[in-house]
Amino acid sequence: MNIILLEVVGVLLAWAVAAYTIWKWGPGLRKRSVGCPEKARRATVLAEQREAEFGCLRVVDVHRCSLIASAPLACDKACLPRL
């Protein structure tokens, strides 16, 4: 009975680690630091990552930038290739 309980706990722990890993480093909105090509300074951006193909994440949009105070970004988002 102890072996079965240990196996169940091990499987649950493996699922929890997998779920946390996907949540932490998987697709979604993530803070990133990037060199801004327009202002020639470092900026912190809120980037949207999506899974472009299996196992490959790609940044598709920037939602917020620390160098631009306005809500909608008025720049041409030239930092996207650098993310």
N, C-alpha and C. Protein backbone atom coordinates (compact mmCIF):
# COMPACT_ATOMS: atom_id res chain seq x y z
N MET A 1 0.82 -1.19 0.00
CA MET A 1 0.00 0.00 0.00
C MET A 1 0.86 1.26 0.00
N ASN A 2 2.00 1.24 0.70
CA ASN A 2 2.89 2.39 0.73
C ASN A 2 3.51 2.66 -0.63
N ILE A 3 3.82 1.61 -1.40
CA ILE A 3 4.40 1.77 -2.72
C ILE A 3 3.41 2.45 -3.66
N ILE A 4 2.15 2.05 -3.63
CA ILE A 4 1.12 2.63 -4.48
C ILE A 4 0.94 4.11 -4.13
N LEU A 5 0.89 4.42 -2.86
CA LEU A 5 0.75 5.82 -2.43
C LEU A 5 1.95 6.64 -2.89
N LEU A 6 3.14 6.10 -2.79
CA LEU A 6 4.34 6.78 -3.23
C LEU A 6 4.32 7.02 -4.74
N GLU A 7 3.83 6.04 -5.51
CA GLU A 7 3.72 6.21 -6.96
C GLU A 7 2.71 7.28 -7.32
N VAL A 8 1.57 7.31 -6.65
CA VAL A 8 0.54 8.33 -6.91
C VAL A 8 1.09 9.72 -6.60
N VAL A 9 1.78 9.86 -5.48
CA VAL A 9 2.37 11.15 -5.12
C VAL A 9 3.42 11.55 -6.15
N GLY A 10 4.21 10.61 -6.62
CA GLY A 10 5.22 10.90 -7.64
C GLY A 10 4.61 11.39 -8.95
N VAL A 11 3.53 10.75 -9.38
CA VAL A 11 2.85 11.17 -10.61
C VAL A 11 2.23 12.55 -10.44
N LEU A 12 1.59 12.80 -9.31
CA LEU A 12 1.01 14.11 -9.05
C LEU A 12 2.08 15.20 -8.99
N LEU A 13 3.21 14.89 -8.41
CA LEU A 13 4.32 15.84 -8.35
C LEU A 13 4.86 16.13 -9.75
N ALA A 14 4.97 15.11 -10.59
CA ALA A 14 5.44 15.31 -11.96
C ALA A 14 4.47 16.19 -12.75
N TRP A 15 3.16 15.99 -12.58
CA TRP A 15 2.17 16.83 -13.24
C TRP A 15 2.25 18.26 -12.74
N ALA A 16 2.46 18.44 -11.46
CA ALA A 16 2.56 19.79 -10.90
C ALA A 16 3.78 20.52 -11.44
N VAL A 17 4.90 19.83 -11.55
CA VAL A 17 6.12 20.44 -12.10
C VAL A 17 5.92 20.80 -13.57
N ALA A 18 5.29 19.93 -14.34
CA ALA A 18 5.03 20.21 -15.75
C ALA A 18 4.09 21.41 -15.91
N ALA A 19 3.03 21.48 -15.11
CA ALA A 19 2.08 22.59 -15.19
C ALA A 19 2.75 23.91 -14.81
N TYR A 20 3.57 23.91 -13.78
CA TYR A 20 4.26 25.13 -13.37
C TYR A 20 5.24 25.59 -14.44
N THR A 21 5.95 24.67 -15.05
CA THR A 21 6.91 25.01 -16.10
C THR A 21 6.21 25.65 -17.30
N ILE A 22 5.09 25.08 -17.72
CA ILE A 22 4.34 25.64 -18.84
C ILE A 22 3.77 27.01 -18.47
N TRP A 23 3.27 27.16 -17.26
CA TRP A 23 2.72 28.43 -16.82
C TRP A 23 3.80 29.51 -16.74
N LYS A 24 4.97 29.15 -16.23
CA LYS A 24 6.04 30.13 -16.00
C LYS A 24 6.73 30.54 -17.29
N TRP A 25 7.07 29.59 -18.16
CA TRP A 25 7.86 29.88 -19.34
C TRP A 25 7.13 29.62 -20.66
N GLY A 26 5.86 29.35 -20.62
CA GLY A 26 5.11 29.05 -21.82
C GLY A 26 4.52 30.28 -22.48
N PRO A 27 3.55 30.10 -23.37
CA PRO A 27 2.93 31.23 -24.06
C PRO A 27 2.18 32.16 -23.11
N GLY A 28 2.07 33.41 -23.52
CA GLY A 28 1.35 34.40 -22.72
C GLY A 28 2.09 35.71 -22.67
N LEU A 29 1.68 36.58 -21.77
CA LEU A 29 2.32 37.89 -21.60
C LEU A 29 3.48 37.76 -20.64
N ARG A 30 4.65 38.25 -21.06
CA ARG A 30 5.86 38.17 -20.24
C ARG A 30 6.61 39.49 -20.28
N LYS A 31 7.19 39.87 -19.15
CA LYS A 31 8.05 41.05 -19.11
C LYS A 31 9.40 40.68 -19.69
N ARG A 32 9.89 41.53 -20.57
CA ARG A 32 11.20 41.33 -21.20
C ARG A 32 11.97 42.63 -21.19
N SER A 33 13.27 42.54 -21.21
CA SER A 33 14.14 43.70 -21.32
C SER A 33 14.78 43.66 -22.71
N VAL A 34 14.76 44.80 -23.39
CA VAL A 34 15.26 44.85 -24.76
C VAL A 34 15.86 46.22 -25.03
N GLY A 35 16.81 46.28 -25.94
CA GLY A 35 17.37 47.55 -26.37
C GLY A 35 16.45 48.20 -27.39
N CYS A 36 15.99 49.40 -27.11
CA CYS A 36 15.08 50.09 -28.02
C CYS A 36 15.88 50.69 -29.16
N PRO A 37 15.58 50.32 -30.42
CA PRO A 37 16.32 50.88 -31.55
C PRO A 37 15.99 52.34 -31.82
N GLU A 38 14.83 52.82 -31.37
CA GLU A 38 14.45 54.21 -31.61
C GLU A 38 15.06 55.18 -30.60
N LYS A 39 15.09 54.78 -29.33
CA LYS A 39 15.59 55.66 -28.27
C LYS A 39 17.03 55.34 -27.85
N ALA A 40 17.58 54.23 -28.34
CA ALA A 40 18.94 53.78 -28.03
C ALA A 40 19.15 53.61 -26.52
N ARG A 41 18.14 53.04 -25.84
CA ARG A 41 18.22 52.76 -24.40
C ARG A 41 17.57 51.42 -24.14
N ARG A 42 17.80 50.88 -22.94
CA ARG A 42 17.14 49.65 -22.52
C ARG A 42 15.71 49.97 -22.13
N ALA A 43 14.81 49.08 -22.46
CA ALA A 43 13.41 49.27 -22.12
C ALA A 43 12.85 47.96 -21.59
N THR A 44 11.89 48.06 -20.69
CA THR A 44 11.16 46.90 -20.21
C THR A 44 9.82 46.88 -20.92
N VAL A 45 9.53 45.78 -21.60
CA VAL A 45 8.30 45.68 -22.38
C VAL A 45 7.47 44.51 -21.89
N LEU A 46 6.18 44.59 -22.14
CA LEU A 46 5.27 43.48 -21.89
C LEU A 46 5.00 42.83 -23.24
N ALA A 47 5.64 41.69 -23.48
CA ALA A 47 5.60 41.03 -24.77
C ALA A 47 4.64 39.85 -24.74
N GLU A 48 3.94 39.65 -25.85
CA GLU A 48 3.03 38.51 -25.98
C GLU A 48 3.73 37.40 -26.75
N GLN A 49 3.90 36.26 -26.10
CA GLN A 49 4.52 35.09 -26.72
C GLN A 49 3.45 34.11 -27.14
N ARG A 50 3.62 33.55 -28.33
CA ARG A 50 2.74 32.48 -28.80
C ARG A 50 3.59 31.35 -29.35
N GLU A 51 2.98 30.19 -29.39
CA GLU A 51 3.69 29.02 -29.91
C GLU A 51 3.55 29.03 -31.44
N ALA A 52 4.63 29.40 -32.13
CA ALA A 52 4.60 29.50 -33.59
C ALA A 52 4.52 28.12 -34.24
N GLU A 53 5.30 27.20 -33.74
CA GLU A 53 5.26 25.81 -34.16
C GLU A 53 5.55 24.97 -32.92
N PHE A 54 5.45 23.69 -33.03
CA PHE A 54 5.57 22.83 -31.85
C PHE A 54 6.90 23.05 -31.15
N GLY A 55 6.84 23.46 -29.89
CA GLY A 55 8.04 23.63 -29.07
C GLY A 55 8.82 24.90 -29.36
N CYS A 56 8.26 25.84 -30.09
CA CYS A 56 8.98 27.06 -30.46
C CYS A 56 8.11 28.27 -30.14
N LEU A 57 8.55 29.09 -29.20
CA LEU A 57 7.81 30.30 -28.84
C LEU A 57 8.32 31.48 -29.66
N ARG A 58 7.41 32.36 -30.04
CA ARG A 58 7.77 33.55 -30.80
C ARG A 58 7.01 34.74 -30.22
N VAL A 59 7.70 35.86 -30.09
CA VAL A 59 7.05 37.09 -29.63
C VAL A 59 6.32 37.70 -30.82
N VAL A 60 5.01 37.92 -30.67
CA VAL A 60 4.20 38.41 -31.78
C VAL A 60 3.76 39.86 -31.60
N ASP A 61 3.78 40.37 -30.38
CA ASP A 61 3.32 41.74 -30.16
C ASP A 61 3.91 42.29 -28.88
N VAL A 62 3.97 43.61 -28.79
CA VAL A 62 4.39 44.31 -27.58
C VAL A 62 3.20 45.13 -27.11
N HIS A 63 2.80 44.92 -25.85
CA HIS A 63 1.62 45.60 -25.32
C HIS A 63 1.96 46.86 -24.53
N ARG A 64 3.11 46.89 -23.88
CA ARG A 64 3.46 48.03 -23.03
C ARG A 64 4.96 48.22 -23.05
N CYS A 65 5.40 49.46 -22.96
CA CYS A 65 6.82 49.78 -22.98
C CYS A 65 7.11 50.80 -21.89
N SER A 66 8.24 50.64 -21.21
CA SER A 66 8.59 51.55 -20.12
C SER A 66 9.05 52.92 -20.64
N LEU A 67 9.46 53.03 -21.89
CA LEU A 67 9.91 54.30 -22.44
C LEU A 67 8.78 55.14 -23.01
N ILE A 68 7.64 54.52 -23.28
CA ILE A 68 6.49 55.23 -23.85
C ILE A 68 5.37 55.18 -22.82
N ALA A 69 4.96 56.34 -22.35
CA ALA A 69 3.97 56.40 -21.26
C ALA A 69 2.54 56.22 -21.73
N SER A 70 2.27 56.45 -23.01
CA SER A 70 0.89 56.37 -23.49
C SER A 70 0.42 54.92 -23.50
N ALA A 71 -0.89 54.73 -23.38
CA ALA A 71 -1.45 53.38 -23.34
C ALA A 71 -1.26 52.63 -24.66
N PRO A 72 -1.73 53.16 -25.80
CA PRO A 72 -1.44 52.45 -27.05
C PRO A 72 -0.04 52.85 -27.53
N LEU A 73 0.71 51.88 -27.95
CA LEU A 73 2.07 52.16 -28.40
C LEU A 73 2.04 52.87 -29.75
N ALA A 74 2.69 54.03 -29.81
CA ALA A 74 2.69 54.83 -31.03
C ALA A 74 3.93 54.58 -31.88
N CYS A 75 4.82 53.70 -31.44
CA CYS A 75 6.03 53.43 -32.21
C CYS A 75 5.77 52.33 -33.23
N ASP A 76 6.77 52.06 -34.07
CA ASP A 76 6.58 51.02 -35.09
C ASP A 76 6.98 49.63 -34.59
N LYS A 77 7.30 49.50 -33.32
CA LYS A 77 7.65 48.23 -32.67
C LYS A 77 8.84 47.55 -33.36
N ALA A 78 9.88 48.32 -33.61
CA ALA A 78 11.08 47.80 -34.24
C ALA A 78 11.86 46.88 -33.31
N CYS A 79 11.48 46.82 -32.04
CA CYS A 79 12.17 45.96 -31.07
C CYS A 79 11.72 44.49 -31.18
N LEU A 80 10.63 44.21 -31.91
CA LEU A 80 10.12 42.84 -32.00
C LEU A 80 11.16 41.83 -32.46
N PRO A 81 11.96 42.11 -33.49
CA PRO A 81 12.98 41.12 -33.89
C PRO A 81 14.05 40.88 -32.83
N ARG A 82 14.23 41.81 -31.90
CA ARG A 82 15.26 41.68 -30.87
C ARG A 82 14.80 40.83 -29.68
N LEU A 83 13.50 40.55 -29.59
CA LEU A 83 12.99 39.81 -28.44
C LEU A 83 13.17 38.35 -28.66
